[in-house]
């Protein structure tokens, strides 16, 4: 179960999320290229949760309060890949493009702020990697 104690540390050039197991054993999850997913509420003692997935390995975290999950999500989304981009942002117009990405003007649906959003086409990068032998 989570407690509102946000422990995100920098380790070399990477960020990691430190936590304790139920037996108080210290653990961590490297956040670079980690996928963050908010879980659907469930009928359980701790109904709210999120999942961090890296290289196919997932760790789920749960708590009692929806507000606590929203706080964790707001902090972790700065470092993780988000699976709910369309729920969080609206793309307004394309500003520019490169070989594997495009930059858009976008707006946060939470705070109405404008942002420059870089969209990277993963399939194009993976496809070009086949030709870089």
N, C-alpha and C. Protein backbone atom coordinates (compact mmCIF):
# COMPACT_ATOMS: atom_id res chain seq x y z
N UNK A 1 0.84 -1.18 0.00
CA UNK A 1 0.00 0.00 0.00
C UNK A 1 0.88 1.24 0.00
N UNK A 2 0.50 2.23 -0.78
CA UNK A 2 1.27 3.46 -0.88
C UNK A 2 0.95 4.40 0.27
N UNK A 3 1.91 5.19 0.58
CA UNK A 3 1.71 6.32 1.46
C UNK A 3 2.19 7.52 0.66
N UNK A 4 1.65 8.68 0.91
CA UNK A 4 2.01 9.84 0.11
C UNK A 4 3.41 10.31 0.50
N UNK A 5 4.40 9.55 0.09
CA UNK A 5 5.80 9.86 0.31
C UNK A 5 6.48 9.67 -1.03
N UNK A 6 6.54 10.72 -1.83
CA UNK A 6 7.05 10.63 -3.19
C UNK A 6 8.57 10.55 -3.17
N UNK A 7 9.10 9.40 -3.50
CA UNK A 7 10.54 9.20 -3.49
C UNK A 7 10.98 8.85 -4.90
N UNK A 8 11.37 9.86 -5.65
CA UNK A 8 11.92 9.68 -6.99
C UNK A 8 13.32 10.25 -6.94
N UNK A 9 14.31 9.41 -7.22
CA UNK A 9 15.70 9.84 -7.12
C UNK A 9 16.38 9.74 -8.47
N UNK A 10 17.47 10.48 -8.62
CA UNK A 10 18.27 10.43 -9.83
C UNK A 10 19.44 9.49 -9.57
N UNK A 11 19.62 8.53 -10.48
CA UNK A 11 20.70 7.56 -10.36
C UNK A 11 21.46 7.59 -11.67
N UNK A 12 22.69 8.10 -11.66
CA UNK A 12 23.45 8.40 -12.88
C UNK A 12 22.59 9.31 -13.75
N UNK A 13 22.30 8.94 -14.98
CA UNK A 13 21.48 9.79 -15.84
C UNK A 13 20.02 9.34 -15.86
N UNK A 14 19.63 8.46 -14.95
CA UNK A 14 18.28 7.91 -14.94
C UNK A 14 17.55 8.30 -13.66
N UNK A 15 16.23 8.20 -13.70
CA UNK A 15 15.41 8.43 -12.52
C UNK A 15 14.86 7.09 -12.06
N UNK A 16 14.69 6.97 -10.77
CA UNK A 16 14.12 5.73 -10.24
C UNK A 16 13.12 6.06 -9.14
N UNK A 17 12.17 5.16 -8.97
CA UNK A 17 11.12 5.27 -7.98
C UNK A 17 11.44 4.26 -6.89
N UNK A 18 11.73 4.75 -5.69
CA UNK A 18 12.09 3.89 -4.56
C UNK A 18 10.84 3.58 -3.73
N UNK A 19 10.71 2.33 -3.30
CA UNK A 19 9.57 1.93 -2.49
C UNK A 19 9.98 0.78 -1.58
N UNK A 20 9.11 0.43 -0.64
CA UNK A 20 9.36 -0.67 0.28
C UNK A 20 8.30 -1.74 0.08
N UNK A 21 8.72 -2.99 0.09
CA UNK A 21 7.81 -4.12 0.03
C UNK A 21 7.07 -4.22 1.37
N UNK A 22 6.07 -5.09 1.44
CA UNK A 22 5.33 -5.28 2.70
C UNK A 22 6.24 -5.75 3.82
N UNK A 23 7.32 -6.47 3.49
CA UNK A 23 8.26 -6.93 4.52
C UNK A 23 9.35 -5.89 4.80
N UNK A 24 9.14 -4.66 4.33
CA UNK A 24 10.04 -3.52 4.52
C UNK A 24 11.35 -3.64 3.76
N UNK A 25 11.42 -4.57 2.80
CA UNK A 25 12.60 -4.69 1.95
C UNK A 25 12.58 -3.54 0.94
N UNK A 26 13.70 -2.82 0.84
CA UNK A 26 13.78 -1.68 -0.09
C UNK A 26 13.91 -2.19 -1.53
N UNK A 27 13.12 -1.60 -2.42
CA UNK A 27 13.14 -1.93 -3.85
C UNK A 27 13.09 -0.63 -4.63
N UNK A 28 13.32 -0.73 -5.95
CA UNK A 28 13.16 0.43 -6.81
C UNK A 28 12.80 -0.01 -8.22
N UNK A 29 12.23 0.93 -8.98
CA UNK A 29 11.89 0.72 -10.38
C UNK A 29 12.57 1.83 -11.16
N UNK A 30 13.36 1.47 -12.18
CA UNK A 30 13.96 2.48 -13.06
C UNK A 30 12.84 3.07 -13.92
N UNK A 31 12.75 4.39 -13.99
CA UNK A 31 11.62 5.02 -14.66
C UNK A 31 11.86 5.32 -16.13
N UNK A 32 13.11 5.35 -16.58
CA UNK A 32 13.37 5.62 -17.99
C UNK A 32 12.79 4.50 -18.83
N UNK A 33 11.99 4.86 -19.83
CA UNK A 33 11.30 3.92 -20.73
C UNK A 33 10.33 3.01 -19.99
N UNK A 34 9.86 3.44 -18.84
CA UNK A 34 8.87 2.70 -18.06
C UNK A 34 7.49 3.18 -18.49
N UNK A 35 6.55 2.26 -18.61
CA UNK A 35 5.19 2.59 -18.99
C UNK A 35 4.35 2.74 -17.74
N UNK A 36 3.64 3.86 -17.64
CA UNK A 36 2.78 4.16 -16.49
C UNK A 36 1.33 3.97 -16.91
N UNK A 37 0.59 3.15 -16.17
CA UNK A 37 -0.83 2.92 -16.44
C UNK A 37 -1.60 3.07 -15.14
N UNK A 38 -2.66 3.88 -15.17
CA UNK A 38 -3.55 3.96 -14.02
C UNK A 38 -4.54 2.82 -14.15
N UNK A 39 -4.74 2.07 -13.08
CA UNK A 39 -5.62 0.90 -13.10
C UNK A 39 -7.06 1.31 -12.80
N UNK A 40 -7.98 0.55 -13.35
CA UNK A 40 -9.40 0.77 -13.06
C UNK A 40 -9.66 0.47 -11.59
N UNK A 41 -10.51 1.26 -10.94
CA UNK A 41 -10.84 0.96 -9.53
C UNK A 41 -11.42 -0.44 -9.41
N UNK A 42 -11.10 -1.10 -8.31
CA UNK A 42 -11.53 -2.47 -8.09
C UNK A 42 -12.22 -2.58 -6.74
N UNK A 43 -12.99 -3.61 -6.57
CA UNK A 43 -13.67 -3.85 -5.29
C UNK A 43 -12.70 -4.61 -4.40
N UNK A 44 -11.93 -3.87 -3.62
CA UNK A 44 -10.92 -4.48 -2.75
C UNK A 44 -10.62 -3.52 -1.60
N UNK A 45 -9.79 -4.00 -0.69
CA UNK A 45 -9.40 -3.17 0.46
C UNK A 45 -8.72 -1.89 0.00
N UNK A 46 -7.89 -1.98 -1.02
CA UNK A 46 -7.18 -0.83 -1.58
C UNK A 46 -7.59 -0.72 -3.05
N UNK A 47 -8.66 0.04 -3.36
CA UNK A 47 -9.27 -0.01 -4.69
C UNK A 47 -8.53 0.73 -5.80
N UNK A 48 -7.67 1.68 -5.48
CA UNK A 48 -7.05 2.51 -6.52
C UNK A 48 -5.60 2.11 -6.72
N UNK A 49 -5.16 2.14 -7.99
CA UNK A 49 -3.78 1.72 -8.24
C UNK A 49 -3.22 2.18 -9.56
N UNK A 50 -1.94 1.94 -9.72
CA UNK A 50 -1.26 2.18 -10.99
C UNK A 50 -0.23 1.08 -11.20
N UNK A 51 0.20 0.93 -12.44
CA UNK A 51 1.16 -0.11 -12.81
C UNK A 51 2.34 0.56 -13.51
N UNK A 52 3.54 0.12 -13.14
CA UNK A 52 4.77 0.51 -13.84
C UNK A 52 5.29 -0.73 -14.55
N UNK A 53 5.53 -0.63 -15.86
CA UNK A 53 6.01 -1.76 -16.65
C UNK A 53 7.29 -1.37 -17.36
N UNK A 54 8.30 -2.22 -17.25
CA UNK A 54 9.58 -2.00 -17.92
C UNK A 54 10.09 -3.34 -18.42
N UNK A 55 10.37 -3.41 -19.71
CA UNK A 55 10.87 -4.65 -20.34
C UNK A 55 9.96 -5.85 -20.04
N UNK A 56 8.65 -5.63 -20.07
CA UNK A 56 7.70 -6.72 -19.87
C UNK A 56 7.47 -7.13 -18.42
N UNK A 57 8.15 -6.49 -17.48
CA UNK A 57 7.97 -6.81 -16.06
C UNK A 57 7.17 -5.68 -15.42
N UNK A 58 6.09 -6.04 -14.72
CA UNK A 58 5.20 -5.04 -14.13
C UNK A 58 5.22 -5.11 -12.61
N UNK A 59 5.00 -3.96 -12.01
CA UNK A 59 4.81 -3.85 -10.56
C UNK A 59 3.61 -2.96 -10.35
N UNK A 60 2.64 -3.44 -9.56
CA UNK A 60 1.44 -2.68 -9.29
C UNK A 60 1.47 -2.13 -7.88
N UNK A 61 0.90 -0.91 -7.72
CA UNK A 61 0.85 -0.23 -6.44
C UNK A 61 -0.60 0.18 -6.19
N UNK A 62 -1.07 0.01 -4.94
CA UNK A 62 -2.46 0.29 -4.61
C UNK A 62 -2.56 1.15 -3.37
N UNK A 63 -3.69 1.88 -3.25
CA UNK A 63 -3.95 2.67 -2.06
C UNK A 63 -5.46 2.84 -1.89
N UNK A 64 -5.85 3.54 -0.83
CA UNK A 64 -7.25 3.71 -0.48
C UNK A 64 -7.91 4.91 -1.16
N UNK A 65 -7.12 5.94 -1.44
CA UNK A 65 -7.68 7.21 -1.89
C UNK A 65 -7.38 7.50 -3.35
N UNK A 66 -8.40 7.90 -4.09
CA UNK A 66 -8.23 8.28 -5.50
C UNK A 66 -7.28 9.48 -5.62
N UNK A 67 -7.37 10.41 -4.68
CA UNK A 67 -6.52 11.61 -4.71
C UNK A 67 -5.04 11.25 -4.62
N UNK A 68 -4.73 10.19 -3.85
CA UNK A 68 -3.34 9.77 -3.72
C UNK A 68 -2.80 9.23 -5.04
N UNK A 69 -3.63 8.45 -5.75
CA UNK A 69 -3.22 7.93 -7.06
C UNK A 69 -3.02 9.08 -8.04
N UNK A 70 -3.89 10.07 -7.99
CA UNK A 70 -3.74 11.23 -8.87
C UNK A 70 -2.45 11.99 -8.58
N UNK A 71 -2.08 12.07 -7.31
CA UNK A 71 -0.82 12.72 -6.94
C UNK A 71 0.37 11.93 -7.47
N UNK A 72 0.36 10.61 -7.27
CA UNK A 72 1.44 9.76 -7.79
C UNK A 72 1.53 9.88 -9.31
N UNK A 73 0.38 9.81 -9.97
CA UNK A 73 0.36 9.89 -11.43
C UNK A 73 0.94 11.21 -11.91
N UNK A 74 0.58 12.32 -11.26
CA UNK A 74 1.08 13.63 -11.69
C UNK A 74 2.60 13.72 -11.55
N UNK A 75 3.18 13.05 -10.57
CA UNK A 75 4.63 13.06 -10.39
C UNK A 75 5.33 12.08 -11.34
N UNK A 76 4.81 10.86 -11.44
CA UNK A 76 5.46 9.82 -12.25
C UNK A 76 5.36 10.09 -13.75
N UNK A 77 4.31 10.75 -14.20
CA UNK A 77 4.13 10.95 -15.64
C UNK A 77 5.22 11.83 -16.25
N UNK A 78 5.94 12.58 -15.42
CA UNK A 78 7.06 13.38 -15.91
C UNK A 78 8.22 12.51 -16.38
N UNK A 79 8.29 11.28 -15.89
CA UNK A 79 9.43 10.41 -16.15
C UNK A 79 9.09 9.16 -16.97
N UNK A 80 7.81 8.86 -17.10
CA UNK A 80 7.38 7.60 -17.71
C UNK A 80 6.67 7.81 -19.04
N UNK A 81 6.53 6.73 -19.78
CA UNK A 81 5.71 6.72 -20.99
C UNK A 81 4.27 6.57 -20.54
N UNK A 82 3.39 7.43 -21.07
CA UNK A 82 2.00 7.39 -20.66
C UNK A 82 1.16 6.65 -21.70
N UNK A 83 0.25 5.83 -21.24
CA UNK A 83 -0.62 5.10 -22.15
C UNK A 83 -1.94 5.82 -22.38
N UNK A 84 -2.18 6.91 -21.67
CA UNK A 84 -3.44 7.62 -21.80
C UNK A 84 -3.25 9.02 -22.37
N UNK A 85 -2.37 9.18 -23.33
CA UNK A 85 -2.03 10.49 -23.87
C UNK A 85 -3.28 11.22 -24.38
N UNK A 86 -4.15 10.51 -25.10
CA UNK A 86 -5.33 11.14 -25.69
C UNK A 86 -6.30 11.66 -24.64
N UNK A 87 -6.26 11.07 -23.44
CA UNK A 87 -7.12 11.53 -22.36
C UNK A 87 -6.54 12.77 -21.67
N UNK A 88 -5.26 13.00 -21.84
CA UNK A 88 -4.57 14.08 -21.13
C UNK A 88 -4.32 15.33 -21.99
N UNK A 89 -4.13 15.14 -23.30
CA UNK A 89 -3.73 16.24 -24.18
C UNK A 89 -4.54 16.26 -25.46
N UNK A 90 -4.63 17.44 -26.04
CA UNK A 90 -5.25 17.60 -27.35
C UNK A 90 -4.21 18.22 -28.27
N UNK A 91 -3.94 17.59 -29.42
CA UNK A 91 -3.03 18.15 -30.41
C UNK A 91 -3.78 19.20 -31.21
N UNK A 92 -3.18 20.38 -31.36
CA UNK A 92 -3.85 21.49 -32.04
C UNK A 92 -3.36 21.64 -33.47
N UNK A 93 -2.03 21.80 -33.64
CA UNK A 93 -1.51 21.92 -35.01
C UNK A 93 -0.07 21.44 -35.05
N UNK A 94 0.35 20.99 -36.22
CA UNK A 94 1.71 20.51 -36.44
C UNK A 94 2.63 21.71 -36.63
N UNK A 95 3.73 21.73 -35.88
CA UNK A 95 4.68 22.83 -35.96
C UNK A 95 5.89 22.49 -36.82
N UNK A 96 6.27 21.22 -36.87
CA UNK A 96 7.43 20.80 -37.65
C UNK A 96 7.59 19.31 -37.61
N UNK A 97 8.54 18.81 -38.43
CA UNK A 97 8.75 17.36 -38.50
C UNK A 97 10.19 17.05 -38.84
N UNK A 98 10.63 15.86 -38.43
CA UNK A 98 11.95 15.34 -38.75
C UNK A 98 11.80 13.96 -39.34
N UNK A 99 12.89 13.17 -39.35
CA UNK A 99 12.83 11.83 -39.93
C UNK A 99 11.92 10.88 -39.18
N UNK A 100 11.92 10.94 -37.84
CA UNK A 100 11.17 9.98 -37.05
C UNK A 100 10.16 10.61 -36.10
N UNK A 101 9.99 11.92 -36.17
CA UNK A 101 9.09 12.56 -35.22
C UNK A 101 8.47 13.82 -35.82
N UNK A 102 7.46 14.31 -35.14
CA UNK A 102 6.82 15.57 -35.48
C UNK A 102 6.57 16.33 -34.18
N UNK A 103 6.60 17.65 -34.27
CA UNK A 103 6.33 18.49 -33.10
C UNK A 103 5.00 19.19 -33.33
N UNK A 104 4.16 19.13 -32.31
CA UNK A 104 2.83 19.72 -32.38
C UNK A 104 2.64 20.74 -31.27
N UNK A 105 1.79 21.72 -31.53
CA UNK A 105 1.28 22.54 -30.45
C UNK A 105 0.16 21.73 -29.83
N UNK A 106 0.19 21.62 -28.52
CA UNK A 106 -0.84 20.85 -27.84
C UNK A 106 -1.33 21.56 -26.61
N UNK A 107 -2.43 21.07 -26.07
CA UNK A 107 -3.03 21.67 -24.89
C UNK A 107 -3.33 20.58 -23.87
N UNK A 108 -2.98 20.84 -22.63
CA UNK A 108 -3.31 19.93 -21.53
C UNK A 108 -4.80 20.06 -21.23
N UNK A 109 -5.48 18.92 -21.15
CA UNK A 109 -6.90 18.95 -20.82
C UNK A 109 -7.12 19.13 -19.32
N UNK A 110 -6.05 18.99 -18.54
CA UNK A 110 -6.16 19.20 -17.09
C UNK A 110 -6.09 20.66 -16.71
N UNK A 111 -5.06 21.36 -17.24
CA UNK A 111 -4.83 22.73 -16.80
C UNK A 111 -4.95 23.78 -17.92
N UNK A 112 -5.32 23.34 -19.14
CA UNK A 112 -5.53 24.23 -20.28
C UNK A 112 -4.24 24.94 -20.73
N UNK A 113 -3.07 24.52 -20.24
CA UNK A 113 -1.79 25.11 -20.65
C UNK A 113 -1.41 24.62 -22.04
N UNK A 114 -0.69 25.45 -22.80
CA UNK A 114 -0.19 25.05 -24.11
C UNK A 114 1.21 24.47 -23.96
N UNK A 115 1.51 23.43 -24.76
CA UNK A 115 2.80 22.77 -24.73
C UNK A 115 3.25 22.44 -26.14
N UNK A 116 4.55 22.33 -26.33
CA UNK A 116 5.09 21.74 -27.55
C UNK A 116 5.24 20.25 -27.26
N UNK A 117 4.64 19.42 -28.12
CA UNK A 117 4.61 17.98 -27.89
C UNK A 117 5.31 17.27 -29.04
N UNK A 118 6.36 16.51 -28.72
CA UNK A 118 7.09 15.75 -29.73
C UNK A 118 6.51 14.34 -29.80
N UNK A 119 6.06 13.96 -30.98
CA UNK A 119 5.48 12.64 -31.21
C UNK A 119 6.48 11.82 -32.02
N UNK A 120 6.93 10.72 -31.45
CA UNK A 120 7.92 9.86 -32.10
C UNK A 120 7.22 8.61 -32.63
N UNK A 121 7.39 8.34 -33.91
CA UNK A 121 6.79 7.15 -34.52
C UNK A 121 7.73 5.97 -34.30
N UNK A 122 7.43 5.17 -33.31
CA UNK A 122 8.29 4.05 -32.93
C UNK A 122 8.46 3.06 -34.08
N UNK A 123 7.40 2.80 -34.84
CA UNK A 123 7.49 1.83 -35.93
C UNK A 123 8.46 2.30 -37.00
N UNK A 124 8.58 3.61 -37.21
CA UNK A 124 9.54 4.11 -38.20
C UNK A 124 10.97 3.91 -37.72
N UNK A 125 11.21 4.11 -36.43
CA UNK A 125 12.55 3.91 -35.87
C UNK A 125 12.92 2.44 -35.96
N UNK A 126 11.99 1.57 -35.58
CA UNK A 126 12.27 0.13 -35.62
C UNK A 126 12.47 -0.34 -37.06
N UNK A 127 11.70 0.19 -37.99
CA UNK A 127 11.85 -0.18 -39.40
C UNK A 127 13.19 0.26 -39.97
N UNK A 128 13.65 1.45 -39.58
CA UNK A 128 14.92 1.94 -40.10
C UNK A 128 16.10 1.21 -39.47
N UNK A 129 15.91 0.68 -38.27
CA UNK A 129 16.99 -0.06 -37.60
C UNK A 129 17.38 -1.31 -38.40
N UNK A 130 16.42 -1.88 -39.13
CA UNK A 130 16.71 -3.05 -39.95
C UNK A 130 17.71 -2.72 -41.06
N UNK A 131 17.73 -1.46 -41.48
CA UNK A 131 18.62 -1.06 -42.56
C UNK A 131 19.95 -0.53 -42.06
N UNK A 132 20.16 -0.48 -40.76
CA UNK A 132 21.40 0.06 -40.17
C UNK A 132 22.27 -1.07 -39.67
N UNK A 133 22.70 -1.94 -40.53
CA UNK A 133 23.52 -3.08 -40.11
C UNK A 133 24.98 -2.76 -40.27
